[in-house]
């Protein structure tokens, strides 16, 4: 069974699960970096790049969500008069 966070209704639970996933990723990256003898500054730079990437992806998803909700509203209101005329 695959985990699907969209099926969780509790927003606080979603946020805590995402924080745990990010913490696990951070720990895995740290372990991998230590094995590769990566300097702390390089590791910090990687973390900063991840944060920037996460912000960009979050904004893209938010804009996509807004556009899709706007499109759904327009379609709904455009169909409503047509449906009333057909009755």
PDB file of N, CA and C in Angstrom:
ATOM      1  N   UNK A   1       0.846  -1.177   0.000  1.00  0.00           N
ATOM      2  CA  UNK A   1       0.000   0.000   0.000  1.00  0.00           C
ATOM      3  C   UNK A   1       0.888   1.235   0.000  1.00  0.00           C
ATOM      4  N   UNK A   2       0.531   2.196  -0.835  1.00  0.00           N
ATOM      5  CA  UNK A   2       1.314   3.421  -0.937  1.00  0.00           C
ATOM      6  C   UNK A   2       0.684   4.511  -0.078  1.00  0.00           C
ATOM      7  N   UNK A   3       1.526   5.304   0.561  1.00  0.00           N
ATOM      8  CA  UNK A   3       1.052   6.392   1.413  1.00  0.00           C
ATOM      9  C   UNK A   3       0.566   7.546   0.556  1.00  0.00           C
ATOM     10  N   UNK A   4      -0.641   8.024   0.829  1.00  0.00           N
ATOM     11  CA  UNK A   4      -1.212   9.143   0.080  1.00  0.00           C
ATOM     12  C   UNK A   4      -1.602  10.241   1.065  1.00  0.00           C
ATOM     13  N   UNK A   5      -0.781  11.311   1.185  1.00  0.00           N
ATOM     14  CA  UNK A   5      -1.083  12.364   2.161  1.00  0.00           C
ATOM     15  C   UNK A   5      -2.348  13.141   1.839  1.00  0.00           C
ATOM     16  N   UNK A   6      -2.812  13.087   0.596  1.00  0.00           N
ATOM     17  CA  UNK A   6      -4.028  13.832   0.244  1.00  0.00           C
ATOM     18  C   UNK A   6      -5.277  13.221   0.873  1.00  0.00           C
ATOM     19  N   UNK A   7      -5.174  11.980   1.335  1.00  0.00           N
ATOM     20  CA  UNK A   7      -6.331  11.327   1.961  1.00  0.00           C
ATOM     21  C   UNK A   7      -6.418  11.619   3.460  1.00  0.00           C
ATOM     22  N   UNK A   8      -5.451  12.349   3.992  1.00  0.00           N
ATOM     23  CA  UNK A   8      -5.468  12.715   5.409  1.00  0.00           C
ATOM     24  C   UNK A   8      -6.214  14.037   5.541  1.00  0.00           C
ATOM     25  N   UNK A   9      -7.197  14.086   6.431  1.00  0.00           N
ATOM     26  CA  UNK A   9      -7.999  15.296   6.599  1.00  0.00           C
ATOM     27  C   UNK A   9      -7.395  16.277   7.599  1.00  0.00           C
ATOM     28  N   UNK A  10      -6.632  15.780   8.548  1.00  0.00           N
ATOM     29  CA  UNK A  10      -6.073  16.624   9.601  1.00  0.00           C
ATOM     30  C   UNK A  10      -4.823  17.354   9.088  1.00  0.00           C
ATOM     31  N   UNK A  11      -4.903  18.679   8.973  1.00  0.00           N
ATOM     32  CA  UNK A  11      -3.787  19.469   8.447  1.00  0.00           C
ATOM     33  C   UNK A  11      -2.561  19.398   9.353  1.00  0.00           C
ATOM     34  N   UNK A  12      -2.771  19.384  10.672  1.00  0.00           N
ATOM     35  CA  UNK A  12      -1.633  19.309  11.598  1.00  0.00           C
ATOM     36  C   UNK A  12      -0.889  17.992  11.437  1.00  0.00           C
ATOM     37  N   UNK A  13      -1.635  16.918  11.200  1.00  0.00           N
ATOM     38  CA  UNK A  13      -1.002  15.620  10.985  1.00  0.00           C
ATOM     39  C   UNK A  13      -0.191  15.629   9.692  1.00  0.00           C
ATOM     40  N   UNK A  14      -0.730  16.240   8.644  1.00  0.00           N
ATOM     41  CA  UNK A  14       0.003  16.347   7.379  1.00  0.00           C
ATOM     42  C   UNK A  14       1.315  17.089   7.580  1.00  0.00           C
ATOM     43  N   UNK A  15       1.252  18.206   8.296  1.00  0.00           N
ATOM     44  CA  UNK A  15       2.451  19.020   8.514  1.00  0.00           C
ATOM     45  C   UNK A  15       3.484  18.252   9.325  1.00  0.00           C
ATOM     46  N   UNK A  16       3.040  17.547  10.364  1.00  0.00           N
ATOM     47  CA  UNK A  16       4.000  16.801  11.184  1.00  0.00           C
ATOM     48  C   UNK A  16       4.617  15.650  10.394  1.00  0.00           C
ATOM     49  N   UNK A  17       3.838  15.001   9.526  1.00  0.00           N
ATOM     50  CA  UNK A  17       4.390  13.931   8.688  1.00  0.00           C
ATOM     51  C   UNK A  17       5.418  14.500   7.716  1.00  0.00           C
ATOM     52  N   UNK A  18       5.098  15.638   7.096  1.00  0.00           N
ATOM     53  CA  UNK A  18       6.047  16.251   6.167  1.00  0.00           C
ATOM     54  C   UNK A  18       7.325  16.691   6.876  1.00  0.00           C
ATOM     55  N   UNK A  19       7.196  17.188   8.098  1.00  0.00           N
ATOM     56  CA  UNK A  19       8.398  17.574   8.867  1.00  0.00           C
ATOM     57  C   UNK A  19       9.271  16.357   9.151  1.00  0.00           C
ATOM     58  N   UNK A  20       8.638  15.236   9.499  1.00  0.00           N
ATOM     59  CA  UNK A  20       9.398  14.013   9.771  1.00  0.00           C
ATOM     60  C   UNK A  20      10.099  13.518   8.511  1.00  0.00           C
ATOM     61  N   UNK A  21       9.408  13.603   7.368  1.00  0.00           N
ATOM     62  CA  UNK A  21      10.023  13.186   6.107  1.00  0.00           C
ATOM     63  C   UNK A  21      11.224  14.069   5.790  1.00  0.00           C
ATOM     64  N   UNK A  22      11.079  15.385   5.959  1.00  0.00           N
ATOM     65  CA  UNK A  22      12.197  16.299   5.707  1.00  0.00           C
ATOM     66  C   UNK A  22      13.357  16.050   6.662  1.00  0.00           C
ATOM     67  N   UNK A  23      13.043  15.745   7.909  1.00  0.00           N
ATOM     68  CA  UNK A  23      14.099  15.448   8.882  1.00  0.00           C
ATOM     69  C   UNK A  23      14.843  14.174   8.490  1.00  0.00           C
ATOM     70  N   UNK A  24      14.115  13.167   8.034  1.00  0.00           N
ATOM     71  CA  UNK A  24      14.757  11.929   7.573  1.00  0.00           C
ATOM     72  C   UNK A  24      15.655  12.202   6.370  1.00  0.00           C
ATOM     73  N   UNK A  25      15.181  13.029   5.442  1.00  0.00           N
ATOM     74  CA  UNK A  25      16.005  13.378   4.285  1.00  0.00           C
ATOM     75  C   UNK A  25      17.262  14.120   4.717  1.00  0.00           C
ATOM     76  N   UNK A  26      17.116  15.018   5.681  1.00  0.00           N
ATOM     77  CA  UNK A  26      18.271  15.771   6.169  1.00  0.00           C
ATOM     78  C   UNK A  26      19.291  14.835   6.812  1.00  0.00           C
ATOM     79  N   UNK A  27      18.799  13.888   7.607  1.00  0.00           N
ATOM     80  CA  UNK A  27      19.703  12.937   8.253  1.00  0.00           C
ATOM     81  C   UNK A  27      20.405  12.050   7.229  1.00  0.00           C
ATOM     82  N   UNK A  28      19.660  11.581   6.230  1.00  0.00           N
ATOM     83  CA  UNK A  28      20.271  10.754   5.188  1.00  0.00           C
ATOM     84  C   UNK A  28      21.325  11.538   4.416  1.00  0.00           C
ATOM     85  N   UNK A  29      21.041  12.786   4.107  1.00  0.00           N
ATOM     86  CA  UNK A  29      22.012  13.623   3.405  1.00  0.00           C
ATOM     87  C   UNK A  29      23.252  13.847   4.263  1.00  0.00           C
ATOM     88  N   UNK A  30      23.053  14.066   5.556  1.00  0.00           N
ATOM     89  CA  UNK A  30      24.181  14.272   6.465  1.00  0.00           C
ATOM     90  C   UNK A  30      25.055  13.027   6.536  1.00  0.00           C
ATOM     91  N   UNK A  31      24.429  11.863   6.657  1.00  0.00           N
ATOM     92  CA  UNK A  31      25.187  10.604   6.710  1.00  0.00           C
ATOM     93  C   UNK A  31      25.968  10.405   5.420  1.00  0.00           C
ATOM     94  N   UNK A  32      25.307  10.630   4.291  1.00  0.00           N
ATOM     95  CA  UNK A  32      25.975  10.472   2.997  1.00  0.00           C
ATOM     96  C   UNK A  32      27.132  11.462   2.864  1.00  0.00           C
ATOM     97  N   UNK A  33      26.923  12.690   3.300  1.00  0.00           N
ATOM     98  CA  UNK A  33      27.968  13.708   3.200  1.00  0.00           C
ATOM     99  C   UNK A  33      29.163  13.358   4.077  1.00  0.00           C
ATOM    100  N   UNK A  34      28.905  12.823   5.259  1.00  0.00           N
ATOM    101  CA  UNK A  34      30.008  12.445   6.148  1.00  0.00           C
ATOM    102  C   UNK A  34      30.827  11.308   5.536  1.00  0.00           C
ATOM    103  N   UNK A  35      30.142  10.369   4.873  1.00  0.00           N
ATOM    104  CA  UNK A  35      30.862   9.271   4.218  1.00  0.00           C
ATOM    105  C   UNK A  35      31.712   9.784   3.064  1.00  0.00           C
ATOM    106  N   UNK A  36      31.244  10.838   2.396  1.00  0.00           N
ATOM    107  CA  UNK A  36      31.964  11.405   1.259  1.00  0.00           C
ATOM    108  C   UNK A  36      32.953  12.495   1.691  1.00  0.00           C
ATOM    109  N   UNK A  37      33.060  12.743   2.990  1.00  0.00           N
ATOM    110  CA  UNK A  37      33.934  13.782   3.548  1.00  0.00           C
ATOM    111  C   UNK A  37      33.608  15.168   2.996  1.00  0.00           C
ATOM    112  N   UNK A  38      32.339  15.466   2.884  1.00  0.00           N
ATOM    113  CA  UNK A  38      31.895  16.780   2.430  1.00  0.00           C
ATOM    114  C   UNK A  38      32.051  17.761   3.583  1.00  0.00           C
ATOM    115  N   UNK A  39      32.552  18.951   3.284  1.00  0.00           N
ATOM    116  CA  UNK A  39      32.740  19.972   4.312  1.00  0.00           C
ATOM    117  C   UNK A  39      31.388  20.488   4.809  1.00  0.00           C
ATOM    118  N   UNK A  40      31.377  21.013   6.028  1.00  0.00           N
ATOM    119  CA  UNK A  40      30.137  21.521   6.616  1.00  0.00           C
ATOM    120  C   UNK A  40      29.531  22.660   5.803  1.00  0.00           C
ATOM    121  N   UNK A  41      30.372  23.534   5.240  1.00  0.00           N
ATOM    122  CA  UNK A  41      29.851  24.647   4.443  1.00  0.00           C
ATOM    123  C   UNK A  41      29.143  24.134   3.198  1.00  0.00           C
ATOM    124  N   UNK A  42      29.704  23.125   2.550  1.00  0.00           N
ATOM    125  CA  UNK A  42      29.069  22.543   1.363  1.00  0.00           C
ATOM    126  C   UNK A  42      27.737  21.905   1.742  1.00  0.00           C
ATOM    127  N   UNK A  43      27.711  21.251   2.889  1.00  0.00           N
ATOM    128  CA  UNK A  43      26.474  20.635   3.368  1.00  0.00           C
ATOM    129  C   UNK A  43      25.428  21.704   3.668  1.00  0.00           C
ATOM    130  N   UNK A  44      25.851  22.801   4.280  1.00  0.00           N
ATOM    131  CA  UNK A  44      24.942  23.916   4.547  1.00  0.00           C
ATOM    132  C   UNK A  44      24.402  24.491   3.241  1.00  0.00           C
ATOM    133  N   UNK A  45      25.269  24.618   2.229  1.00  0.00           N
ATOM    134  CA  UNK A  45      24.835  25.128   0.923  1.00  0.00           C
ATOM    135  C   UNK A  45      23.791  24.212   0.291  1.00  0.00           C
ATOM    136  N   UNK A  46      23.982  22.903   0.432  1.00  0.00           N
ATOM    137  CA  UNK A  46      23.006  21.945  -0.101  1.00  0.00           C
ATOM    138  C   UNK A  46      21.670  22.113   0.611  1.00  0.00           C
ATOM    139  N   UNK A  47      21.705  22.256   1.942  1.00  0.00           N
ATOM    140  CA  UNK A  47      20.461  22.467   2.698  1.00  0.00           C
ATOM    141  C   UNK A  47      19.755  23.733   2.235  1.00  0.00           C
ATOM    142  N   UNK A  48      20.512  24.805   2.012  1.00  0.00           N
ATOM    143  CA  UNK A  48      19.920  26.065   1.552  1.00  0.00           C
ATOM    144  C   UNK A  48      19.303  25.910   0.161  1.00  0.00           C
ATOM    145  N   UNK A  49      19.974  25.172  -0.715  1.00  0.00           N
ATOM    146  CA  UNK A  49      19.418  24.926  -2.048  1.00  0.00           C
ATOM    147  C   UNK A  49      18.118  24.136  -1.950  1.00  0.00           C
ATOM    148  N   UNK A  50      18.067  23.169  -1.044  1.00  0.00           N
ATOM    149  CA  UNK A  50      16.841  22.388  -0.845  1.00  0.00           C
ATOM    150  C   UNK A  50      15.712  23.286  -0.366  1.00  0.00           C
ATOM    151  N   UNK A  51      16.028  24.200   0.551  1.00  0.00           N
ATOM    152  CA  UNK A  51      14.995  25.115   1.049  1.00  0.00           C
ATOM    153  C   UNK A  51      14.446  25.977  -0.080  1.00  0.00           C
ATOM    154  N   UNK A  52      15.346  26.508  -0.903  1.00  0.00           N
ATOM    155  CA  UNK A  52      14.912  27.343  -2.030  1.00  0.00           C
ATOM    156  C   UNK A  52      14.068  26.528  -2.996  1.00  0.00           C
ATOM    157  N   UNK A  53      14.510  25.313  -3.291  1.00  0.00           N
ATOM    158  CA  UNK A  53      13.751  24.448  -4.192  1.00  0.00           C
ATOM    159  C   UNK A  53      12.375  24.131  -3.614  1.00  0.00           C
ATOM    160  N   UNK A  54      12.313  23.874  -2.313  1.00  0.00           N
ATOM    161  CA  UNK A  54      11.025  23.585  -1.671  1.00  0.00           C
ATOM    162  C   UNK A  54      10.089  24.791  -1.755  1.00  0.00           C
ATOM    163  N   UNK A  55      10.629  25.992  -1.576  1.00  0.00           N
ATOM    164  CA  UNK A  55       9.808  27.206  -1.673  1.00  0.00           C
ATOM    165  C   UNK A  55       9.288  27.380  -3.098  1.00  0.00           C
ATOM    166  N   UNK A  56      10.155  27.156  -4.086  1.00  0.00           N
ATOM    167  CA  UNK A  56       9.734  27.293  -5.486  1.00  0.00           C
ATOM    168  C   UNK A  56       8.641  26.288  -5.825  1.00  0.00           C
ATOM    169  N   UNK A  57       8.842  25.035  -5.441  1.00  0.00           N
ATOM    170  CA  UNK A  57       7.834  24.001  -5.714  1.00  0.00           C
ATOM    171  C   UNK A  57       6.532  24.331  -5.006  1.00  0.00           C
ATOM    172  N   UNK A  58       6.622  24.812  -3.767  1.00  0.00           N
ATOM    173  CA  UNK A  58       5.419  25.186  -3.021  1.00  0.00           C
ATOM    174  C   UNK A  58       4.660  26.293  -3.741  1.00  0.00           C
ATOM    175  N   UNK A  59       5.355  27.302  -4.230  1.00  0.00           N
ATOM    176  CA  UNK A  59       4.700  28.412  -4.936  1.00  0.00           C
ATOM    177  C   UNK A  59       4.085  27.950  -6.250  1.00  0.00           C
ATOM    178  N   UNK A  60       4.787  27.078  -6.972  1.00  0.00           N
ATOM    179  CA  UNK A  60       4.237  26.555  -8.228  1.00  0.00           C
ATOM    180  C   UNK A  60       2.954  25.777  -7.960  1.00  0.00           C
ATOM    181  N   UNK A  61       2.974  24.937  -6.930  1.00  0.00           N
ATOM    182  CA  UNK A  61       1.774  24.167  -6.584  1.00  0.00           C
ATOM    183  C   UNK A  61       0.638  25.094  -6.165  1.00  0.00           C
ATOM    184  N   UNK A  62       0.964  26.140  -5.412  1.00  0.00           N
ATOM    185  CA  UNK A  62      -0.063  27.077  -4.965  1.00  0.00           C
ATOM    186  C   UNK A  62      -0.681  27.815  -6.146  1.00  0.00           C
ATOM    187  N   UNK A  63       0.151  28.275  -7.085  1.00  0.00           N
ATOM    188  CA  UNK A  63      -0.359  28.968  -8.270  1.00  0.00           C
ATOM    189  C   UNK A  63      -1.213  28.017  -9.106  1.00  0.00           C
ATOM    190  N   UNK A  64      -0.758  26.774  -9.272  1.00  0.00           N
ATOM    191  CA  UNK A  64      -1.536  25.786 -10.018  1.00  0.00           C
ATOM    192  C   UNK A  64      -2.882  25.549  -9.339  1.00  0.00           C
ATOM    193  N   UNK A  65      -2.873  25.462  -8.010  1.00  0.00           N
ATOM    194  CA  UNK A  65      -4.116  25.273  -7.251  1.00  0.00           C
ATOM    195  C   UNK A  65      -5.068  26.447  -7.477  1.00  0.00           C
ATOM    196  N   UNK A  66      -4.552  27.675  -7.392  1.00  0.00           N
ATOM    197  CA  UNK A  66      -5.398  28.852  -7.604  1.00  0.00           C
ATOM    198  C   UNK A  66      -5.972  28.897  -9.014  1.00  0.00           C
ATOM    199  N   UNK A  67      -5.138  28.613 -10.005  1.00  0.00           N
ATOM    200  CA  UNK A  67      -5.604  28.631 -11.394  1.00  0.00           C
ATOM    201  C   UNK A  67      -6.664  27.562 -11.614  1.00  0.00           C
ATOM    202  N   UNK A  68      -6.456  26.373 -11.061  1.00  0.00           N
ATOM    203  CA  UNK A  68      -7.442  25.306 -11.246  1.00  0.00           C
ATOM    204  C   UNK A  68      -8.753  25.631 -10.541  1.00  0.00           C
ATOM    205  N   UNK A  69      -8.686  26.249  -9.359  1.00  0.00           N
ATOM    206  CA  UNK A  69      -9.920  26.634  -8.667  1.00  0.00           C
ATOM    207  C   UNK A  69     -10.648  27.733  -9.433  1.00  0.00           C
ATOM    208  N   UNK A  70      -9.914  28.677  -9.979  1.00  0.00           N
ATOM    209  CA  UNK A  70     -10.516  29.738 -10.782  1.00  0.00           C
ATOM    210  C   UNK A  70     -11.164  29.159 -12.040  1.00  0.00           C
ATOM    211  N   UNK A  71     -10.464  28.253 -12.700  1.00  0.00           N
ATOM    212  CA  UNK A  71     -11.012  27.619 -13.902  1.00  0.00           C
ATOM    213  C   UNK A  71     -12.267  26.820 -13.566  1.00  0.00           C
ATOM    214  N   UNK A  72     -12.244  26.102 -12.444  1.00  0.00           N
ATOM    215  CA  UNK A  72     -13.424  25.332 -12.040  1.00  0.00           C
ATOM    216  C   UNK A  72     -14.601  26.260 -11.761  1.00  0.00           C
ATOM    217  N   UNK A  73     -14.346  27.385 -11.133  1.00  0.00           N
ATOM    218  CA  UNK A  73     -15.418  28.352 -10.852  1.00  0.00           C
ATOM    219  C   UNK A  73     -15.991  28.928 -12.139  1.00  0.00           C
ATOM    220  N   UNK A  74     -15.114  29.272 -13.067  1.00  0.00           N
ATOM    221  CA  UNK A  74     -15.571  29.826 -14.347  1.00  0.00           C
ATOM    222  C   UNK A  74     -16.402  28.799 -15.104  1.00  0.00           C
ATOM    223  N   UNK A  75     -15.928  27.568 -15.140  1.00  0.00           N
ATOM    224  CA  UNK A  75     -16.675  26.507 -15.828  1.00  0.00           C
ATOM    225  C   UNK A  75     -18.024  26.290 -15.159  1.00  0.00           C
ATOM    226  N   UNK A  76     -18.045  26.273 -13.830  1.00  0.00           N
ATOM    227  CA  UNK A  76     -19.301  26.065 -13.111  1.00  0.00           C
ATOM    228  C   UNK A  76     -20.296  27.178 -13.426  1.00  0.00           C
ATOM    229  N   UNK A  77     -19.844  28.425 -13.337  1.00  0.00           N
ATOM    230  CA  UNK A  77     -20.761  29.546 -13.572  1.00  0.00           C
ATOM    231  C   UNK A  77     -21.140  29.676 -15.047  1.00  0.00           C
ATOM    232  N   UNK A  78     -20.287  29.230 -15.938  1.00  0.00           N
ATOM    233  CA  UNK A  78     -20.623  29.262 -17.362  1.00  0.00           C
ATOM    234  C   UNK A  78     -21.652  28.183 -17.705  1.00  0.00           C
ATOM    235  N   UNK A  79     -21.566  27.045 -17.043  1.00  0.00           N
ATOM    236  CA  UNK A  79     -22.503  25.948 -17.309  1.00  0.00           C
ATOM    237  C   UNK A  79     -23.857  26.169 -16.655  1.00  0.00           C
ATOM    238  N   UNK A  80     -23.882  26.881 -15.549  1.00  0.00           N
ATOM    239  CA  UNK A  80     -25.129  27.069 -14.791  1.00  0.00           C
ATOM    240  C   UNK A  80     -26.246  27.687 -15.640  1.00  0.00           C
ATOM    241  N   UNK A  81     -26.022  28.798 -16.361  1.00  0.00           N
ATOM    242  CA  UNK A  81     -27.105  29.346 -17.196  1.00  0.00           C
ATOM    243  C   UNK A  81     -27.509  28.403 -18.333  1.00  0.00           C
ATOM    244  N   UNK A  82     -26.543  27.677 -18.880  1.00  0.00           N
ATOM    245  CA  UNK A  82     -26.851  26.737 -19.960  1.00  0.00           C
ATOM    246  C   UNK A  82     -27.748  25.620 -19.440  1.00  0.00           C
ATOM    247  N   UNK A  83     -27.456  25.134 -18.238  1.00  0.00           N
ATOM    248  CA  UNK A  83     -28.264  24.059 -17.657  1.00  0.00           C
ATOM    249  C   UNK A  83     -29.669  24.551 -17.348  1.00  0.00           C
ATOM    250  N   UNK A  84     -29.805  25.800 -16.907  1.00  0.00           N
ATOM    251  CA  UNK A  84     -31.132  26.346 -16.605  1.00  0.00           C
ATOM    252  C   UNK A  84     -31.952  26.521 -17.882  1.00  0.00           C
ATOM    253  N   UNK A  85     -31.302  26.901 -18.986  1.00  0.00           N
ATOM    254  CA  UNK A  85     -32.011  27.078 -20.253  1.00  0.00           C
ATOM    255  C   UNK A  85     -32.500  25.746 -20.812  1.00  0.00           C
ATOM    256  N   UNK A  86     -31.753  24.676 -20.547  1.00  0.00           N
ATOM    257  CA  UNK A  86     -32.123  23.364 -21.079  1.00  0.00           C
ATOM    258  C   UNK A  86     -33.279  22.734 -20.325  1.00  0.00           C
ATOM    259  N   UNK A  87     -33.611  23.224 -19.151  1.00  0.00           N
ATOM    260  CA  UNK A  87     -34.700  22.631 -18.358  1.00  0.00           C
ATOM    261  C   UNK A  87     -36.043  23.073 -18.812  1.00  0.00           C
TER     262      UNK A  87
END
